[in-house]
């Protein structure tokens, strides 16, 4: 398929989820929840406060790039939602075309409920665009432009700081000469550090306190370096733990992938596709960050994973040696990671909970085997229908103002 085909199918598919969510909300609740929806749910309301009033103690936990973008446009929340959705669909279609993904695999990647935050006034869509630009120019060895977009990523979301350790590992695994590696690391690290310092300086100018971001993160969101408490949980765990557990599965899978490719690099001297390397190590870093700084809470992990450009690049098809491909596609590895996730999230607490996590594990392994490794082609439509239903269910929760990500 070409770009326009990807754009057509992704637009139809995302629109069907939005319409399905609205219809389910109208039937399950009432039409007023749809008609009165103001698009300012959760983080969007905080970002809108920054647009209107600048920073204060509470809003200092958020980064300014998207509020600046919003303020320049002076657009209503629903207009920003449409713009975000359009940007996301265009860039996702470009990624699908560049990766030569099958239509079913492409739609499966766009089916996770967290994608709905791309059609809300959140910073995810802007970060998605900037991440694509960074990976595109890094792949073409355009260092200046790649560093510029890395700088903009660092102004957009705090999670972009994960790129600092990620780029050290990715560049090491892909670089031939030590001096070019050092120069790239120093340049990219300087861009990330400069972006973060600019954020902290802007917040200082508006609040009068240096590094207020860290105090807000620690005191309001309870984010500090700590051992995670078990079982892992999330906000509104009964409804959302399945999404965050699925995201944890992919991040732990990325950790396993990272360890295997590092071993392959050391033993075989293998070099890897740089875009895929960044996707793997960034996803692994996202999971480790949440486990190490959230005290056992997984809230928003599903948004960090599924509403990320890196997620679309995770498939290892065609970028590694056949022997390593077989190791990464081993069903035993995927089942083992799924079992670990179920235990970490408390599947051992009750037989019914264990059975529910077992169903989730089967679904995740089946999903990855099809969308990444192209097994069980006949099951693609079953997967699409199932995950479409999940997305519609969580979509109506968003319309009702209930927590999802």
Protein backbone atom coordinates (compact mmCIF):
# COMPACT_ATOMS: atom_id res chain seq x y z
CA UNK A 1 0.00 0.00 0.00
CA UNK A 2 1.03 3.60 -0.57
CA UNK A 3 0.78 6.53 1.84
CA UNK A 4 -2.73 7.50 0.73
CA UNK A 5 -4.01 3.98 1.29
CA UNK A 6 -2.61 3.96 4.81
CA UNK A 7 -4.14 7.37 5.44
CA UNK A 8 -7.53 6.26 4.10
CA UNK A 9 -7.73 3.09 6.17
CA UNK A 10 -6.39 4.66 9.36
CA UNK A 11 -8.83 7.58 9.07
CA UNK A 12 -11.79 5.25 8.54
CA UNK A 13 -10.72 3.00 11.39
CA UNK A 14 -10.10 5.75 13.96
CA UNK A 15 -13.34 7.50 12.94
CA UNK A 16 -15.23 4.22 13.44
CA UNK A 17 -13.86 3.98 16.99
CA UNK A 18 -14.88 7.58 17.75
CA UNK A 19 -18.39 7.07 16.32
CA UNK A 20 -18.73 3.72 18.09
CA UNK A 21 -17.71 5.33 21.39
CA UNK A 22 -20.28 8.09 20.95
CA UNK A 23 -23.05 5.63 20.11
CA UNK A 24 -22.20 3.37 23.04
CA UNK A 25 -22.18 6.39 25.35
CA UNK A 26 -25.59 7.46 24.07
CA UNK A 27 -27.07 3.99 24.56
CA UNK A 28 -25.33 3.11 27.83
CA UNK A 29 -25.53 6.55 29.43
CA UNK A 30 -27.28 9.34 27.49
CA UNK A 31 -26.69 11.74 24.62
CA UNK A 32 -25.96 14.63 26.97
CA UNK A 33 -22.60 13.08 27.87
CA UNK A 34 -21.67 13.26 24.18
CA UNK A 35 -23.22 16.67 23.45
CA UNK A 36 -21.70 18.28 26.55
CA UNK A 37 -18.23 16.81 26.09
CA UNK A 38 -15.75 19.72 26.21
CA UNK A 39 -12.57 17.77 25.29
CA UNK A 40 -10.81 19.04 28.45
CA UNK A 41 -10.43 15.72 30.24
CA UNK A 42 -7.73 15.18 32.82
CA UNK A 43 -4.34 16.38 31.48
CA UNK A 44 -6.03 18.45 28.77
CA UNK A 45 -7.58 20.68 31.43
CA UNK A 46 -4.16 21.26 33.03
CA UNK A 47 -2.57 22.05 29.66
CA UNK A 48 -5.39 24.52 28.94
CA UNK A 49 -4.67 26.24 32.26
CA UNK A 50 -1.06 26.73 31.18
CA UNK A 51 -2.28 28.21 27.88
CA UNK A 52 -4.57 30.67 29.67
CA UNK A 53 -2.70 31.49 32.88
CA UNK A 54 0.86 30.22 32.61
CA UNK A 55 2.55 28.07 35.24
CA UNK A 56 1.75 27.65 38.91
CA UNK A 57 2.78 24.99 41.42
CA UNK A 58 0.23 22.40 40.24
CA UNK A 59 0.75 22.84 36.50
CA UNK A 60 4.56 22.79 36.80
CA UNK A 61 4.47 19.00 36.44
CA UNK A 62 3.80 19.53 32.70
CA UNK A 63 6.10 20.71 29.91
CA UNK A 64 5.32 23.77 27.76
CA UNK A 65 5.79 22.91 24.08
CA UNK A 66 2.19 21.87 23.41
CA UNK A 67 0.69 24.76 25.43
CA UNK A 68 2.90 27.17 23.44
CA UNK A 69 1.69 25.58 20.21
CA UNK A 70 -1.91 25.84 21.41
CA UNK A 71 -1.50 29.46 22.50
CA UNK A 72 -0.05 30.50 19.14
CA UNK A 73 -3.05 28.98 17.34
CA UNK A 74 -5.57 30.37 19.89
CA UNK A 75 -7.85 27.49 18.97
CA UNK A 76 -10.79 26.00 20.83
CA UNK A 77 -10.21 22.59 22.47
CA UNK A 78 -12.23 20.79 19.80
CA UNK A 79 -10.19 22.43 17.04
CA UNK A 80 -6.93 21.35 18.70
CA UNK A 81 -8.37 17.85 18.95
CA UNK A 82 -9.08 17.77 15.21
CA UNK A 83 -5.62 19.16 14.42
CA UNK A 84 -3.95 16.60 16.70
CA UNK A 85 -5.91 13.81 15.04
CA UNK A 86 -4.98 14.98 11.56
CA UNK A 87 -1.28 15.28 12.44
CA UNK A 88 -1.30 11.85 14.01
CA UNK A 89 -3.00 10.14 11.06
CA UNK A 90 -0.61 11.70 8.54
CA UNK A 91 2.53 10.75 10.46
CA UNK A 92 1.25 7.27 11.37
CA UNK A 93 0.50 6.68 7.68
CA UNK A 94 4.01 7.82 6.74
CA UNK A 95 5.44 5.35 9.26
CA UNK A 96 3.21 2.55 7.98
CA UNK A 97 4.30 3.24 4.40
CA UNK A 98 7.99 3.46 5.30
CA UNK A 99 7.81 0.21 7.28
CA UNK A 100 5.78 -1.51 4.54
CA UNK A 101 3.35 -2.81 7.14
CA UNK A 102 0.44 -4.95 6.07
CA UNK A 103 -2.95 -3.28 6.36
CA UNK A 104 -4.07 -5.56 9.17
CA UNK A 105 -0.84 -5.12 11.15
CA UNK A 106 -1.06 -1.36 10.68
CA UNK A 107 -4.64 -1.18 11.93
CA UNK A 108 -3.83 -3.47 14.85
CA UNK A 109 -1.14 -1.04 15.95
CA UNK A 110 -3.67 1.82 15.82
CA UNK A 111 -6.38 -0.09 17.67
CA UNK A 112 -5.25 0.38 21.25
CA UNK A 113 -7.64 2.63 23.22
CA UNK A 114 -4.74 4.94 24.16
CA UNK A 115 -4.72 6.15 20.53
CA UNK A 116 -7.87 8.13 21.38
CA UNK A 117 -5.65 10.61 23.19
CA UNK A 118 -4.34 11.56 19.77
CA UNK A 119 -7.74 13.09 19.03
CA UNK A 120 -7.85 15.11 22.25
CA UNK A 121 -5.91 18.27 23.18
CA UNK A 122 -3.06 16.30 24.74
CA UNK A 123 0.66 16.64 23.96
CA UNK A 124 0.89 13.04 22.69
CA UNK A 125 0.20 13.91 19.03
CA UNK A 126 2.85 16.64 18.98
CA UNK A 127 5.40 14.31 20.60
CA UNK A 128 4.44 11.65 18.05
CA UNK A 129 5.25 14.05 15.20
CA UNK A 130 8.53 15.21 16.74
CA UNK A 131 9.63 11.64 17.47
CA UNK A 132 9.02 10.68 13.85
CA UNK A 133 11.03 13.69 12.66
CA UNK A 134 13.90 12.83 14.99
CA UNK A 135 14.00 9.20 13.85
CA UNK A 136 13.66 10.20 10.19
CA UNK A 137 16.59 12.62 10.23
CA UNK A 138 18.70 10.36 12.46
CA UNK A 139 18.19 7.58 9.93
CA UNK A 140 19.41 9.89 7.18
CA UNK A 141 22.44 10.94 9.28
CA UNK A 142 21.21 14.57 9.36
CA UNK A 143 22.65 15.22 12.81
CA UNK A 144 21.76 18.90 13.14
CA UNK A 145 18.09 18.37 12.30
CA UNK A 146 17.88 15.21 14.40
CA UNK A 147 19.28 17.10 17.39
CA UNK A 148 16.89 20.00 16.80
CA UNK A 149 13.85 17.71 16.94
CA UNK A 150 15.29 15.97 20.00
CA UNK A 151 15.47 19.42 21.60
CA UNK A 152 11.79 20.03 20.77
CA UNK A 153 10.87 16.59 22.16
CA UNK A 154 12.57 17.59 25.41
CA UNK A 155 10.30 20.65 25.59
CA UNK A 156 7.16 18.60 25.04
CA UNK A 157 7.00 15.89 27.71
CA UNK A 158 9.15 14.90 30.70
CA UNK A 159 9.26 11.32 29.38
CA UNK A 160 11.49 12.54 26.53
CA UNK A 161 14.33 12.56 29.09
CA UNK A 162 14.27 8.76 28.77
CA UNK A 163 15.97 9.38 25.44
CA UNK A 164 19.23 10.26 27.20
CA UNK A 165 20.11 6.69 28.29
CA UNK A 166 18.28 5.29 25.26
CA UNK A 167 20.42 7.16 22.75
CA UNK A 168 23.62 6.05 24.51
CA UNK A 169 22.65 2.40 24.08
CA UNK A 170 21.15 2.74 20.59
CA UNK A 171 24.10 4.68 19.19
CA UNK A 172 26.57 2.22 20.73
CA UNK A 173 24.78 -0.70 19.05
CA UNK A 174 24.67 1.05 15.67
CA UNK A 175 27.89 3.06 15.43
CA UNK A 176 31.07 1.86 13.70
CA UNK A 177 33.63 4.32 15.06
CA UNK A 178 34.11 5.36 18.66
CA UNK A 179 34.79 9.04 17.91
CA UNK A 180 31.62 9.52 15.85
CA UNK A 181 29.72 7.79 18.63
CA UNK A 182 31.10 10.17 21.27
CA UNK A 183 30.36 13.25 19.15
CA UNK A 184 26.77 12.16 18.52
CA UNK A 185 26.18 11.31 22.16
CA UNK A 186 27.55 14.65 23.33
CA UNK A 187 25.51 16.59 20.78
CA UNK A 188 22.24 14.75 21.40
CA UNK A 189 22.74 14.86 25.19
CA UNK A 190 23.38 18.60 24.98
CA UNK A 191 20.08 19.06 23.11
CA UNK A 192 18.14 17.08 25.73
CA UNK A 193 19.76 18.92 28.63
CA UNK A 194 19.26 22.31 26.95
CA UNK A 195 15.59 21.54 26.35
CA UNK A 196 14.99 20.57 29.96
CA UNK A 197 16.85 23.60 31.32
CA UNK A 198 14.77 25.87 29.11
CA UNK A 199 11.62 24.32 30.60
CA UNK A 200 12.88 24.82 34.14
CA UNK A 201 13.89 28.40 33.35
CA UNK A 202 10.45 29.22 31.95
CA UNK A 203 8.83 27.72 35.03
CA UNK A 204 11.20 29.73 37.26
CA UNK A 205 10.23 32.96 35.50
CA UNK A 206 6.53 32.27 36.08
CA UNK A 207 6.63 30.74 39.57
CA UNK A 208 9.77 32.21 41.12
CA UNK A 209 11.10 28.78 42.08
CA UNK A 210 13.91 26.88 40.39
CA UNK A 211 13.25 23.21 39.59
CA UNK A 212 9.64 23.43 40.78
CA UNK A 213 8.93 20.64 38.29
CA UNK A 214 10.60 18.09 40.56
CA UNK A 215 8.73 19.28 43.66
CA UNK A 216 5.42 19.10 41.80
CA UNK A 217 6.21 15.62 40.50
CA UNK A 218 7.19 14.38 43.96
CA UNK A 219 4.48 16.02 46.08
CA UNK A 220 1.50 15.96 43.72
CA UNK A 221 2.15 12.86 41.61
CA UNK A 222 4.27 10.91 44.15
CA UNK A 223 7.02 10.29 41.62
CA UNK A 224 10.39 9.62 43.21
CA UNK A 225 13.07 6.95 42.96
CA UNK A 226 11.83 3.92 44.92
CA UNK A 227 11.29 0.19 44.80
CA UNK A 228 7.89 -0.70 43.33
CA UNK A 229 5.38 -2.15 45.77
CA UNK A 230 3.56 -5.30 44.73
CA UNK A 231 1.09 -5.98 43.35
CA UNK A 232 1.42 -3.25 40.75
CA UNK A 233 -1.72 -1.16 40.44
CA UNK A 234 -3.09 1.84 38.59
CA UNK A 235 -5.78 4.47 39.00
CA UNK A 236 -9.21 2.86 38.74
CA UNK A 237 -7.47 -0.53 38.70
CA UNK A 238 -10.58 -2.62 38.13
CA UNK A 239 -11.10 -1.07 34.70
CA UNK A 240 -7.69 0.19 33.61
CA UNK A 241 -5.20 -2.37 34.94
CA UNK A 242 -5.66 -4.44 31.77
CA UNK A 243 -4.47 -1.57 29.58
CA UNK A 244 -1.51 -0.72 31.80
CA UNK A 245 -0.62 -4.40 32.21
CA UNK A 246 -0.62 -4.76 28.42
CA UNK A 247 1.69 -1.74 28.17
CA UNK A 248 3.95 -3.27 30.84
CA UNK A 249 4.10 -6.45 28.76
CA UNK A 250 5.44 -4.55 25.76
CA UNK A 251 7.99 -2.63 27.83
CA UNK A 252 9.30 -5.83 29.46
CA UNK A 253 9.38 -7.43 26.04
CA UNK A 254 11.50 -4.48 24.91
CA UNK A 255 13.81 -5.07 27.89
CA UNK A 256 14.22 -8.71 26.82
CA UNK A 257 14.84 -7.60 23.22
CA UNK A 258 17.45 -5.10 24.44
CA UNK A 259 19.33 -7.76 26.40
CA UNK A 260 19.29 -10.15 23.45
CA UNK A 261 20.56 -7.59 20.95
CA UNK A 262 23.28 -6.40 23.36
CA UNK A 263 24.40 -10.02 23.73
CA UNK A 264 24.30 -10.43 19.95
CA UNK A 265 26.31 -7.25 19.49
CA UNK A 266 28.98 -8.31 21.97
CA UNK A 267 29.29 -11.90 20.76
CA UNK A 268 28.70 -11.43 17.03
CA UNK A 269 29.63 -7.80 16.52
CA UNK A 270 26.22 -7.28 14.89
CA UNK A 271 24.97 -3.86 13.82
CA UNK A 272 21.29 -3.02 13.81
CA UNK A 273 18.80 -0.69 12.18
CA UNK A 274 19.05 2.56 14.16
CA UNK A 275 15.32 3.37 14.05
CA UNK A 276 14.40 -0.04 15.43
CA UNK A 277 17.10 0.26 18.11
CA UNK A 278 15.71 3.56 19.31
CA UNK A 279 12.21 2.09 19.44
CA UNK A 280 13.34 -0.90 21.49
CA UNK A 281 15.50 0.89 24.02
CA UNK A 282 13.06 3.80 24.41
CA UNK A 283 10.19 1.40 25.11
CA UNK A 284 12.37 -0.50 27.60
CA UNK A 285 13.36 2.76 29.27
CA UNK A 286 9.72 3.83 29.55
CA UNK A 287 8.80 0.69 31.46
CA UNK A 288 11.83 0.90 33.75
CA UNK A 289 11.13 4.57 34.47
CA UNK A 290 7.56 3.85 35.56
CA UNK A 291 8.61 0.86 37.69
CA UNK A 292 11.40 2.80 39.40
CA UNK A 293 9.66 6.15 39.97
CA UNK A 294 5.95 5.41 40.48
CA UNK A 295 6.14 3.29 43.68
CA UNK A 296 4.26 0.44 42.04
CA UNK A 297 1.66 2.57 40.25
CA UNK A 298 1.33 2.14 36.47
CA UNK A 299 -1.00 5.06 35.69
CA UNK A 300 -0.51 6.52 32.20
CA UNK A 301 1.89 3.76 31.13
CA UNK A 302 -0.52 2.63 28.42
CA UNK A 303 -0.54 6.17 27.00
CA UNK A 304 3.26 6.39 27.09
CA UNK A 305 3.53 3.10 25.17
CA UNK A 306 0.64 2.82 22.72
CA UNK A 307 0.36 6.55 21.91
CA UNK A 308 4.02 6.66 20.91
CA UNK A 309 5.70 6.64 17.51
CA UNK A 310 8.20 4.13 18.89
CA UNK A 311 5.44 1.52 19.21
CA UNK A 312 4.92 1.50 15.44
CA UNK A 313 8.62 0.79 14.89
CA UNK A 314 8.96 -2.10 17.38
CA UNK A 315 8.50 -4.98 14.95
CA UNK A 316 11.91 -6.58 14.23
CA UNK A 317 10.95 -7.86 10.77
CA UNK A 318 13.77 -7.44 8.28
CA UNK A 319 16.18 -5.54 10.55
CA UNK A 320 18.11 -8.34 12.32
CA UNK A 321 19.87 -11.63 11.63
CA UNK A 322 17.57 -14.67 11.10
CA UNK A 323 18.99 -16.36 14.22
CA UNK A 324 18.17 -13.38 16.39
CA UNK A 325 14.78 -13.03 14.73
CA UNK A 326 13.95 -16.60 15.76
CA UNK A 327 15.00 -15.84 19.33
CA UNK A 328 12.85 -12.70 19.47
CA UNK A 329 9.86 -14.47 17.93
CA UNK A 330 10.07 -17.45 20.28
CA UNK A 331 6.63 -18.05 21.69
CA UNK A 332 8.25 -19.22 24.92
CA UNK A 333 9.78 -15.78 25.46
CA UNK A 334 6.45 -14.03 24.94
CA UNK A 335 4.56 -16.39 27.20
CA UNK A 336 7.20 -15.99 29.92
CA UNK A 337 6.92 -12.18 29.79
CA UNK A 338 3.11 -12.40 29.91
CA UNK A 339 3.30 -14.66 32.99
CA UNK A 340 5.67 -12.23 34.73
CA UNK A 341 3.27 -9.36 34.04
CA UNK A 342 0.30 -11.28 35.46
CA UNK A 343 2.23 -12.06 38.64
CA UNK A 344 3.52 -8.50 39.06
CA UNK A 345 -0.02 -7.15 38.68
CA UNK A 346 -1.47 -9.49 41.31
CA UNK A 347 -2.82 -12.36 39.28
CA UNK A 348 -1.91 -14.68 42.16
CA UNK A 349 -4.44 -13.04 44.51
CA UNK A 350 -7.52 -14.92 43.32
CA UNK A 351 -8.26 -17.70 40.84
CA UNK A 352 -10.68 -15.49 38.89
CA UNK A 353 -8.06 -12.76 38.61
CA UNK A 354 -5.49 -15.32 37.51
CA UNK A 355 -7.86 -16.57 34.81
CA UNK A 356 -8.49 -13.01 33.64
CA UNK A 357 -4.77 -12.38 33.33
CA UNK A 358 -4.39 -15.70 31.52
CA UNK A 359 -6.90 -14.51 28.91
CA UNK A 360 -5.01 -11.22 28.63
CA UNK A 361 -1.73 -13.13 28.20
CA UNK A 362 -3.18 -15.28 25.41
CA UNK A 363 -4.51 -12.18 23.69
CA UNK A 364 -1.16 -10.34 23.93
CA UNK A 365 0.91 -13.26 22.68
CA UNK A 366 -1.52 -13.83 19.83
CA UNK A 367 -1.50 -10.11 19.01
CA UNK A 368 2.30 -9.92 18.86
CA UNK A 369 2.67 -13.13 16.91
CA UNK A 370 0.36 -11.75 14.23
CA UNK A 371 1.13 -8.03 14.13
CA UNK A 372 4.91 -8.38 14.54
CA UNK A 373 5.81 -11.81 13.24
CA UNK A 374 2.95 -12.36 10.78
CA UNK A 375 1.74 -15.71 12.11
CA UNK A 376 -1.92 -16.77 12.21
CA UNK A 377 -3.01 -14.46 9.38
CA UNK A 378 -6.56 -15.81 9.49
CA UNK A 379 -7.00 -14.46 13.02
CA UNK A 380 -6.37 -10.82 12.11
CA UNK A 381 -10.05 -10.00 11.77
CA UNK A 382 -10.87 -11.59 15.12
CA UNK A 383 -8.12 -9.51 16.73
CA UNK A 384 -9.31 -6.34 15.01
CA UNK A 385 -12.89 -6.85 16.15
CA UNK A 386 -11.83 -7.60 19.74
CA UNK A 387 -9.49 -4.66 20.09
CA UNK A 388 -11.97 -2.37 18.31
CA UNK A 389 -14.53 -3.31 20.97
CA UNK A 390 -12.01 -2.55 23.72
CA UNK A 391 -11.26 0.83 22.16
CA UNK A 392 -14.97 1.69 21.93
CA UNK A 393 -15.51 0.65 25.57
CA UNK A 394 -12.68 2.87 26.79
CA UNK A 395 -13.76 5.62 24.42
CA UNK A 396 -17.13 5.88 26.11
CA UNK A 397 -15.32 6.10 29.46
CA UNK A 398 -13.41 9.11 28.14
CA UNK A 399 -16.66 10.72 26.98
CA UNK A 400 -18.08 10.15 30.46
CA UNK A 401 -15.04 11.81 32.05
CA UNK A 402 -13.72 8.62 33.59
CA UNK A 403 -10.02 7.79 33.89
CA UNK A 404 -8.45 5.75 31.12
CA UNK A 405 -4.81 6.77 30.80
